[in-house]
Amino acid sequence: MTGSASVVWDDALAAYDFGAGHPLAPIRVQLAMHLARDLGLLDGPDVTVIAPDVVDDDLLLSVHDADYVDAVRRASVDPHEADVHRGLGTDDVPTFPGMHEASRAVVGATLAAVRAVHEGRSLHALNLAGGLHHAMPGSASGFCVYNDLAVGIQWLLDHGVERVAYVDVDVHHGDGVQAAFWDDPRVLTVSVHESGRALFPGTGFPMEIGGPAAVGTAVNVALPPGTGDEGWLRAFHGVVPQVVESFAPDILVTQQGCDTHLDDPLAHLTLSVDGQRMTYAALHELAHRVTGGRWVATGGGGYSWIDVVPRAWSHLVGELCGTPVPPETPLPESWRSFVTDRLRVPTPALMTDGSVPRVRSWESGYDPADPIDAAVLRTREAVFPWHGLAADPYHGF
């Protein structure tokens, strides 16, 4: 699968920085972009690195409440003015000078990716600095100030796109995007995540299926802690392609948090970089099958800054740009030297964790006593009938 690709980047995006000790450190994105460059993934004739759009506050107001944007602006000038009732000035979202402008720039980067695809300049587009899926219309949450994904999707709707499918593979539930389009039948939100019984934000259960005007357009696969490559891929393939194909969107938007990895310090799933790479390939194939290849992707969570995030997201860049990185590829010496010289820590040697996951088809049989199969079945039972699909592959509904 090939197609032109835009990758959005500007060093100024590193200004979205909550300070020393915060898990969402901008260096993780900087290292990923550095590795993608050193692997030559941005050098292809059909790949363009583009700058973020400059956006005004009116665009933010397409999703966010005016009082909330004003609160962010005030805290941006004086961090001591943080409104904790709106999620600002907390441990998760500490305030910092220039926060409004830095957060708005992330929105501008996702908007640049969305516009590149919508306007036909690229078939695929990526903003690794984006994916701030927890921000709510009136409050900050989970390291997220403005919801760049919701703003980008709303922009598409406002510019004539009739149906958008959003797929979120971050370890945390994509609650902010779901909330933004809860009662909008034009947007399908699908989130595959660790169960809210074990992890922030405590939402994303199978019976969350959308508002009265959009029943069935919120789809949630809540997986048990400890789910690894094969279980995660089985769950994905047991739900995501079916509902996306049934919805028949015009464009696919995805959030590609890589905090599902075994080494991530903030969650409890056990995927490898190899399993994550297979996810990217599956979403790429789905985009070409369903939306004619129109695919906008963002980054998201991922807190193993050196061992996981750069490798995982470089695999994403390679997939999106049509030059998938073979798993056995050594990490370039230039990148490894940069990391060891700057951070004084060792680096991985290869682009693989050595895992070779297999995909077990749901249609080949399932075990309701298995926790993963039970999670998939609950989601299928909750939403498949609304899409004209059989929840049980062996029986009608």
Protein backbone atom coordinates (compact mmCIF):
# COMPACT_ATOMS: atom_id res chain seq x y z
CA MET A 1 0.00 0.00 0.00
CA THR A 2 1.37 3.36 -1.00
CA GLY A 3 0.28 6.97 -1.06
CA SER A 4 1.62 10.42 -0.38
CA ALA A 5 2.18 11.25 3.28
CA SER A 6 2.56 14.42 5.33
CA VAL A 7 4.35 14.42 8.67
CA VAL A 8 3.76 17.50 10.81
CA TRP A 9 6.64 18.78 12.89
CA ASP A 10 8.17 21.94 14.26
CA ASP A 11 10.61 22.18 17.13
CA ALA A 12 8.26 24.70 18.74
CA LEU A 13 5.87 21.84 19.53
CA ALA A 14 8.26 20.87 22.33
CA ALA A 15 6.92 23.87 24.24
CA TYR A 16 4.01 21.68 25.40
CA ASP A 17 6.00 20.83 28.52
CA PHE A 18 4.67 20.39 32.05
CA GLY A 19 8.16 20.49 33.53
CA ALA A 20 10.77 18.21 35.04
CA GLY A 21 9.43 14.94 36.38
CA HIS A 22 6.18 14.97 34.43
CA PRO A 23 5.56 11.76 32.44
CA LEU A 24 4.45 13.58 29.28
CA ALA A 25 7.91 14.91 28.48
CA PRO A 26 8.39 16.45 25.01
CA ILE A 27 11.70 14.62 24.62
CA ARG A 28 9.80 11.41 23.85
CA VAL A 29 8.38 12.96 20.66
CA GLN A 30 11.69 14.64 19.83
CA LEU A 31 13.52 11.31 20.09
CA ALA A 32 10.90 9.61 17.91
CA MET A 33 11.24 12.25 15.19
CA HIS A 34 15.03 12.06 15.46
CA LEU A 35 14.95 8.28 14.99
CA ALA A 36 12.52 8.48 12.08
CA ARG A 37 14.89 10.91 10.36
CA ASP A 38 17.97 8.78 11.07
CA LEU A 39 16.18 5.76 9.61
CA GLY A 40 15.55 7.76 6.43
CA LEU A 41 11.78 7.48 6.77
CA LEU A 42 11.19 11.14 5.95
CA ASP A 43 13.33 11.14 2.80
CA GLY A 44 10.94 9.41 0.40
CA PRO A 45 9.73 11.25 -2.69
CA ASP A 46 6.12 11.02 -1.52
CA VAL A 47 6.81 12.23 2.03
CA THR A 48 6.53 15.88 3.03
CA VAL A 49 7.33 17.38 6.42
CA ILE A 50 4.90 20.24 6.98
CA ALA A 51 4.56 22.93 9.64
CA PRO A 52 1.62 23.22 12.03
CA ASP A 53 -1.20 25.56 11.08
CA VAL A 54 -1.51 28.79 13.00
CA VAL A 55 -4.95 28.70 14.61
CA ASP A 56 -6.99 31.27 16.50
CA ASP A 57 -9.12 30.80 19.57
CA ASP A 58 -12.29 30.58 17.48
CA LEU A 59 -11.20 27.14 16.32
CA LEU A 60 -10.82 26.01 19.93
CA LEU A 61 -14.37 27.20 20.61
CA SER A 62 -15.71 24.71 18.09
CA VAL A 63 -15.15 22.10 20.84
CA HIS A 64 -14.21 23.91 24.06
CA ASP A 65 -16.28 26.22 26.28
CA ALA A 66 -15.35 29.90 26.14
CA ASP A 67 -14.99 30.09 29.95
CA TYR A 68 -12.54 27.21 29.88
CA VAL A 69 -10.40 28.75 27.13
CA ASP A 70 -10.35 31.98 29.15
CA ALA A 71 -9.22 30.02 32.22
CA VAL A 72 -6.37 28.42 30.27
CA ARG A 73 -5.36 31.81 28.90
CA ARG A 74 -5.27 33.36 32.39
CA ALA A 75 -3.22 30.49 33.82
CA SER A 76 -0.89 30.77 30.85
CA VAL A 77 -0.07 34.36 31.82
CA ASP A 78 0.04 33.65 35.56
CA PRO A 79 0.30 29.95 36.49
CA HIS A 80 -0.86 30.85 40.01
CA GLU A 81 -4.27 31.70 38.51
CA ALA A 82 -4.97 28.02 37.82
CA ASP A 83 -8.62 26.97 38.08
CA VAL A 84 -8.43 23.53 39.68
CA HIS A 85 -12.18 23.11 39.20
CA ARG A 86 -11.41 23.02 35.48
CA GLY A 87 -8.55 20.55 35.90
CA LEU A 88 -5.80 23.17 35.74
CA GLY A 89 -2.99 23.29 38.28
CA THR A 90 -3.31 19.63 39.24
CA ASP A 91 -0.56 17.01 39.36
CA ASP A 92 -1.75 15.73 35.97
CA VAL A 93 -2.06 19.16 34.34
CA PRO A 94 0.25 21.63 36.07
CA THR A 95 0.15 25.12 34.64
CA PHE A 96 3.14 26.79 33.00
CA PRO A 97 3.84 30.12 31.28
CA GLY A 98 2.71 30.04 27.66
CA MET A 99 0.51 26.99 28.20
CA HIS A 100 -2.34 28.38 26.10
CA GLU A 101 -0.10 29.04 23.12
CA ALA A 102 1.75 25.72 23.41
CA SER A 103 -1.52 23.77 23.65
CA ARG A 104 -3.03 25.69 20.76
CA ALA A 105 0.05 24.85 18.66
CA VAL A 106 -0.61 21.13 19.15
CA VAL A 107 -4.14 21.71 17.85
CA GLY A 108 -2.63 23.55 14.88
CA ALA A 109 -0.40 20.57 14.13
CA THR A 110 -3.33 18.17 14.05
CA LEU A 111 -5.32 20.63 11.96
CA ALA A 112 -2.45 20.74 9.44
CA ALA A 113 -2.59 16.94 9.19
CA VAL A 114 -6.37 16.95 8.81
CA ARG A 115 -6.30 19.64 6.13
CA ALA A 116 -3.54 17.89 4.17
CA VAL A 117 -5.74 14.81 3.79
CA HIS A 118 -9.06 16.59 3.37
CA GLU A 119 -7.68 18.89 0.68
CA GLY A 120 -6.08 16.02 -1.21
CA ARG A 121 -2.46 17.08 -0.77
CA SER A 122 -1.67 13.82 1.02
CA LEU A 123 -3.39 10.49 1.41
CA HIS A 124 -2.03 9.98 4.93
CA ALA A 125 -0.89 12.51 7.56
CA LEU A 126 0.65 12.25 11.02
CA ASN A 127 1.13 14.51 14.04
CA LEU A 128 3.14 12.66 16.68
CA ALA A 129 2.85 15.61 19.08
CA GLY A 130 -0.95 15.29 19.11
CA GLY A 131 -3.39 12.79 20.51
CA LEU A 132 -4.52 14.73 23.61
CA HIS A 133 -7.68 12.67 23.87
CA HIS A 134 -8.66 13.29 27.51
CA ALA A 135 -9.36 17.04 27.33
CA MET A 136 -13.06 17.77 27.85
CA PRO A 137 -15.06 20.72 26.51
CA GLY A 138 -14.84 22.51 29.84
CA SER A 139 -11.84 21.03 31.60
CA ALA A 140 -8.33 19.68 31.32
CA SER A 141 -7.66 16.04 32.17
CA GLY A 142 -4.99 13.38 31.95
CA PHE A 143 -2.10 15.58 30.70
CA CYS A 144 -4.40 17.13 28.05
CA VAL A 145 -5.34 20.82 27.83
CA TYR A 146 -7.02 21.15 24.43
CA ASN A 147 -8.41 18.18 22.55
CA ASP A 148 -6.66 18.43 19.20
CA LEU A 149 -8.40 15.30 17.92
CA ALA A 150 -11.90 16.55 18.65
CA VAL A 151 -11.09 19.93 17.10
CA GLY A 152 -9.71 18.24 13.98
CA ILE A 153 -12.74 15.97 13.61
CA GLN A 154 -15.13 18.87 14.15
CA TRP A 155 -13.26 20.85 11.47
CA LEU A 156 -13.82 17.99 9.03
CA LEU A 157 -17.54 17.93 9.81
CA ASP A 158 -17.75 21.70 9.43
CA HIS A 159 -16.07 21.43 6.02
CA GLY A 160 -18.47 18.94 4.52
CA VAL A 161 -17.18 15.51 5.57
CA GLU A 162 -20.24 13.40 6.27
CA ARG A 163 -18.82 10.53 8.37
CA VAL A 164 -15.61 10.20 10.38
CA ALA A 165 -14.37 7.05 12.13
CA TYR A 166 -12.07 7.57 15.10
CA VAL A 167 -10.04 4.60 16.40
CA ASP A 168 -8.04 4.99 19.64
CA VAL A 169 -5.45 2.34 20.58
CA ASP A 170 -3.94 4.16 23.57
CA VAL A 171 -3.92 2.12 26.79
CA HIS A 172 -6.29 4.70 28.30
CA HIS A 173 -9.89 5.16 27.18
CA GLY A 174 -10.36 7.97 24.66
CA ASP A 175 -12.95 9.63 26.86
CA GLY A 176 -12.63 13.22 25.66
CA VAL A 177 -13.21 12.41 21.99
CA GLN A 178 -16.09 10.10 22.91
CA ALA A 179 -17.66 12.88 25.00
CA ALA A 180 -17.31 15.44 22.22
CA PHE A 181 -19.27 13.30 19.76
CA TRP A 182 -21.43 11.26 22.14
CA ASP A 183 -24.67 12.28 20.45
CA ASP A 184 -23.40 12.93 16.92
CA PRO A 185 -24.31 10.14 14.47
CA ARG A 186 -21.69 11.41 12.00
CA VAL A 187 -18.77 10.23 14.16
CA LEU A 188 -17.91 6.68 15.18
CA THR A 189 -15.57 6.55 18.18
CA VAL A 190 -13.83 3.22 18.86
CA SER A 191 -11.47 2.76 21.81
CA VAL A 192 -9.44 -0.36 22.64
CA HIS A 193 -7.96 0.13 26.09
CA GLU A 194 -7.22 -1.32 29.51
CA SER A 195 -10.39 -1.61 31.56
CA GLY A 196 -11.44 1.45 33.51
CA ARG A 197 -11.77 -0.82 36.54
CA ALA A 198 -7.98 -0.86 36.67
CA LEU A 199 -6.87 2.38 35.03
CA PHE A 200 -7.55 6.08 34.53
CA PRO A 201 -9.96 7.56 33.49
CA GLY A 202 -12.27 4.87 34.86
CA THR A 203 -14.56 4.91 31.83
CA GLY A 204 -14.88 3.13 28.50
CA PHE A 205 -17.12 0.19 29.36
CA PRO A 206 -18.96 -1.81 26.68
CA MET A 207 -22.39 -0.37 27.50
CA GLU A 208 -21.19 3.15 26.71
CA ILE A 209 -22.63 3.10 23.20
CA GLY A 210 -23.57 6.69 22.37
CA GLY A 211 -26.32 9.21 23.01
CA PRO A 212 -29.99 8.99 21.99
CA ALA A 213 -29.33 10.39 18.52
CA ALA A 214 -26.24 8.25 17.95
CA VAL A 215 -26.78 4.87 19.59
CA GLY A 216 -24.09 2.40 18.55
CA THR A 217 -21.55 5.02 17.49
CA ALA A 218 -19.48 4.74 20.68
CA VAL A 219 -17.62 1.42 20.78
CA ASN A 220 -15.47 0.39 23.74
CA VAL A 221 -13.29 -2.68 24.18
CA ALA A 222 -12.17 -2.80 27.82
CA LEU A 223 -9.33 -5.32 28.23
CA PRO A 224 -8.11 -6.92 31.45
CA PRO A 225 -4.70 -6.00 32.87
CA GLY A 226 -1.94 -8.23 31.54
CA THR A 227 -3.35 -8.50 28.01
CA GLY A 228 -0.47 -9.06 25.60
CA ASP A 229 0.13 -9.04 21.86
CA GLU A 230 -2.04 -11.96 20.80
CA GLY A 231 -4.96 -11.14 23.09
CA TRP A 232 -4.91 -7.47 22.13
CA LEU A 233 -4.73 -8.23 18.40
CA ARG A 234 -7.53 -10.80 18.77
CA ALA A 235 -9.71 -8.17 20.46
CA PHE A 236 -8.90 -5.54 17.84
CA HIS A 237 -9.68 -7.82 14.92
CA GLY A 238 -12.82 -9.08 16.66
CA VAL A 239 -14.41 -5.62 16.78
CA VAL A 240 -12.68 -2.74 15.00
CA PRO A 241 -12.71 -3.71 11.30
CA GLN A 242 -16.33 -4.84 11.46
CA VAL A 243 -17.79 -1.67 12.98
CA VAL A 244 -15.63 0.67 10.90
CA GLU A 245 -16.58 -1.09 7.67
CA SER A 246 -20.25 -1.03 8.65
CA PHE A 247 -20.09 2.69 9.45
CA ALA A 248 -18.50 3.42 6.03
CA PRO A 249 -16.62 6.61 6.97
CA ASP A 250 -15.13 9.11 4.56
CA ILE A 251 -11.94 9.45 6.58
CA LEU A 252 -10.18 7.51 9.36
CA VAL A 253 -8.64 9.35 12.31
CA THR A 254 -6.54 7.37 14.79
CA GLN A 255 -4.84 7.98 18.12
CA GLN A 256 -1.68 5.87 18.39
CA GLY A 257 -0.63 5.96 22.03
CA CYS A 258 2.06 3.34 22.62
CA ASP A 259 1.58 3.04 26.39
CA THR A 260 0.18 -0.46 25.86
CA HIS A 261 3.78 -1.70 25.99
CA LEU A 262 5.02 -4.09 28.67
CA ASP A 263 7.61 -1.54 29.86
CA ASP A 264 5.26 1.42 30.16
CA PRO A 265 5.28 2.63 33.78
CA LEU A 266 1.72 3.98 33.87
CA ALA A 267 -0.38 0.99 32.81
CA HIS A 268 -0.67 -2.80 32.89
CA LEU A 269 -0.93 -4.20 29.37
CA THR A 270 1.99 -6.24 28.02
CA LEU A 271 2.31 -5.60 24.30
CA SER A 272 5.64 -5.58 22.50
CA VAL A 273 6.84 -3.12 19.89
CA ASP A 274 6.19 -5.94 17.41
CA GLY A 275 2.54 -6.23 18.40
CA GLN A 276 2.16 -2.46 18.17
CA ARG A 277 3.72 -2.51 14.70
CA MET A 278 1.09 -5.03 13.60
CA THR A 279 -1.59 -2.63 14.86
CA TYR A 280 -0.28 0.13 12.60
CA ALA A 281 -0.32 -2.19 9.61
CA ALA A 282 -3.89 -3.25 10.39
CA LEU A 283 -5.10 0.35 10.59
CA HIS A 284 -3.26 1.23 7.37
CA GLU A 285 -4.92 -1.67 5.58
CA LEU A 286 -8.30 -0.71 7.04
CA ALA A 287 -7.95 2.85 5.77
CA HIS A 288 -7.23 1.66 2.24
CA ARG A 289 -10.12 -0.79 2.37
CA VAL A 290 -12.73 1.57 3.80
CA THR A 291 -11.80 5.24 3.19
CA GLY A 292 -9.78 5.03 -0.01
CA GLY A 293 -6.64 5.43 2.13
CA ARG A 294 -7.60 8.74 3.76
CA TRP A 295 -5.96 8.41 7.16
CA VAL A 296 -4.94 10.96 9.80
CA ALA A 297 -2.93 9.64 12.75
CA THR A 298 -1.63 11.25 15.92
CA GLY A 299 0.61 10.23 18.79
CA GLY A 300 -0.74 9.97 22.32
CA GLY A 301 0.46 8.31 25.50
CA GLY A 302 3.76 6.52 25.89
CA TYR A 303 6.02 6.97 28.89
CA SER A 304 8.97 4.67 28.29
CA TRP A 305 10.71 7.56 26.56
CA ILE A 306 13.82 5.82 25.22
CA ASP A 307 13.22 2.07 24.95
CA VAL A 308 9.69 2.15 23.53
CA VAL A 309 8.30 5.44 22.20
CA PRO A 310 10.97 6.20 19.56
CA ARG A 311 10.90 2.67 18.15
CA ALA A 312 7.13 2.29 18.24
CA TRP A 313 6.42 5.62 16.60
CA SER A 314 9.18 5.17 14.03
CA HIS A 315 7.38 1.99 13.00
CA LEU A 316 4.23 4.11 12.73
CA VAL A 317 6.02 6.70 10.58
CA GLY A 318 7.36 3.95 8.33
CA GLU A 319 3.96 2.34 7.95
CA LEU A 320 2.19 5.61 7.24
CA CYS A 321 4.89 6.72 4.77
CA GLY A 322 4.83 3.44 2.85
CA THR A 323 8.26 2.25 3.98
CA PRO A 324 7.64 -0.21 6.84
CA VAL A 325 10.74 -0.84 8.94
CA PRO A 326 11.75 -4.52 9.09
CA PRO A 327 11.71 -5.62 12.74
CA GLU A 328 15.32 -6.83 12.67
CA THR A 329 16.62 -3.40 11.61
CA PRO A 330 19.43 -2.13 13.88
CA LEU A 331 18.89 1.28 15.40
CA PRO A 332 21.20 3.76 13.63
CA GLU A 333 24.44 4.41 15.44
CA SER A 334 23.85 8.13 14.97
CA TRP A 335 20.68 7.93 17.06
CA ARG A 336 22.15 5.68 19.71
CA SER A 337 25.16 7.97 20.11
CA PHE A 338 22.91 11.01 20.37
CA VAL A 339 20.91 9.40 23.18
CA THR A 340 23.89 8.10 25.14
CA ASP A 341 25.78 11.38 24.80
CA ARG A 342 22.81 13.52 25.79
CA LEU A 343 21.03 11.35 28.35
CA ARG A 344 23.76 8.98 29.53
CA VAL A 345 21.54 5.93 29.26
CA PRO A 346 21.75 2.76 27.14
CA THR A 347 19.50 2.26 24.13
CA PRO A 348 17.90 -0.75 22.45
CA ALA A 349 19.91 -2.27 19.62
CA LEU A 350 17.11 -3.39 17.29
CA MET A 351 13.68 -2.22 16.13
CA THR A 352 12.14 -5.41 17.54
CA ASP A 353 11.45 -6.88 20.96
CA GLY A 354 11.83 -10.33 19.43
CA SER A 355 8.13 -11.15 19.54
CA VAL A 356 6.34 -12.78 16.60
CA PRO A 357 2.64 -12.40 17.46
CA ARG A 358 -0.01 -14.39 15.67
CA VAL A 359 -3.56 -13.24 15.08
CA ARG A 360 -6.24 -15.66 16.26
CA SER A 361 -9.45 -14.99 14.38
CA TRP A 362 -12.60 -14.50 16.41
CA GLU A 363 -14.53 -16.41 13.77
CA SER A 364 -12.39 -19.50 14.41
CA GLY A 365 -14.06 -19.93 17.80
CA TYR A 366 -14.12 -18.27 21.21
CA ASP A 367 -14.16 -19.15 24.88
CA PRO A 368 -16.60 -17.09 27.01
CA ALA A 369 -14.64 -18.15 30.10
CA ASP A 370 -11.49 -16.47 28.78
CA PRO A 371 -11.30 -12.87 30.14
CA ILE A 372 -10.25 -11.39 26.80
CA ASP A 373 -12.84 -13.28 24.80
CA ALA A 374 -15.46 -12.29 27.36
CA ALA A 375 -14.48 -8.62 26.98
CA VAL A 376 -14.77 -8.84 23.20
CA LEU A 377 -18.11 -10.62 23.41
CA ARG A 378 -19.53 -7.93 25.72
CA THR A 379 -18.58 -5.23 23.23
CA ARG A 380 -19.97 -7.17 20.27
CA GLU A 381 -23.24 -7.80 22.09
CA ALA A 382 -23.54 -4.12 23.02
CA VAL A 383 -22.94 -2.54 19.61
CA PHE A 384 -22.94 -5.06 16.76
CA PRO A 385 -26.77 -5.23 16.47
CA TRP A 386 -26.85 -1.45 15.95
CA HIS A 387 -24.60 -1.97 12.91
CA GLY A 388 -26.53 -4.91 11.50
CA LEU A 389 -23.81 -7.32 12.59
CA ALA A 390 -24.08 -10.64 14.42
CA ALA A 391 -22.48 -10.50 17.87
CA ASP A 392 -21.93 -14.25 17.88
CA PRO A 393 -20.20 -15.37 14.66
CA TYR A 394 -22.22 -18.59 14.75
CA HIS A 395 -25.68 -17.14 15.35
CA GLY A 396 -27.78 -14.23 14.13
CA PHE A 397 -28.93 -11.52 16.48
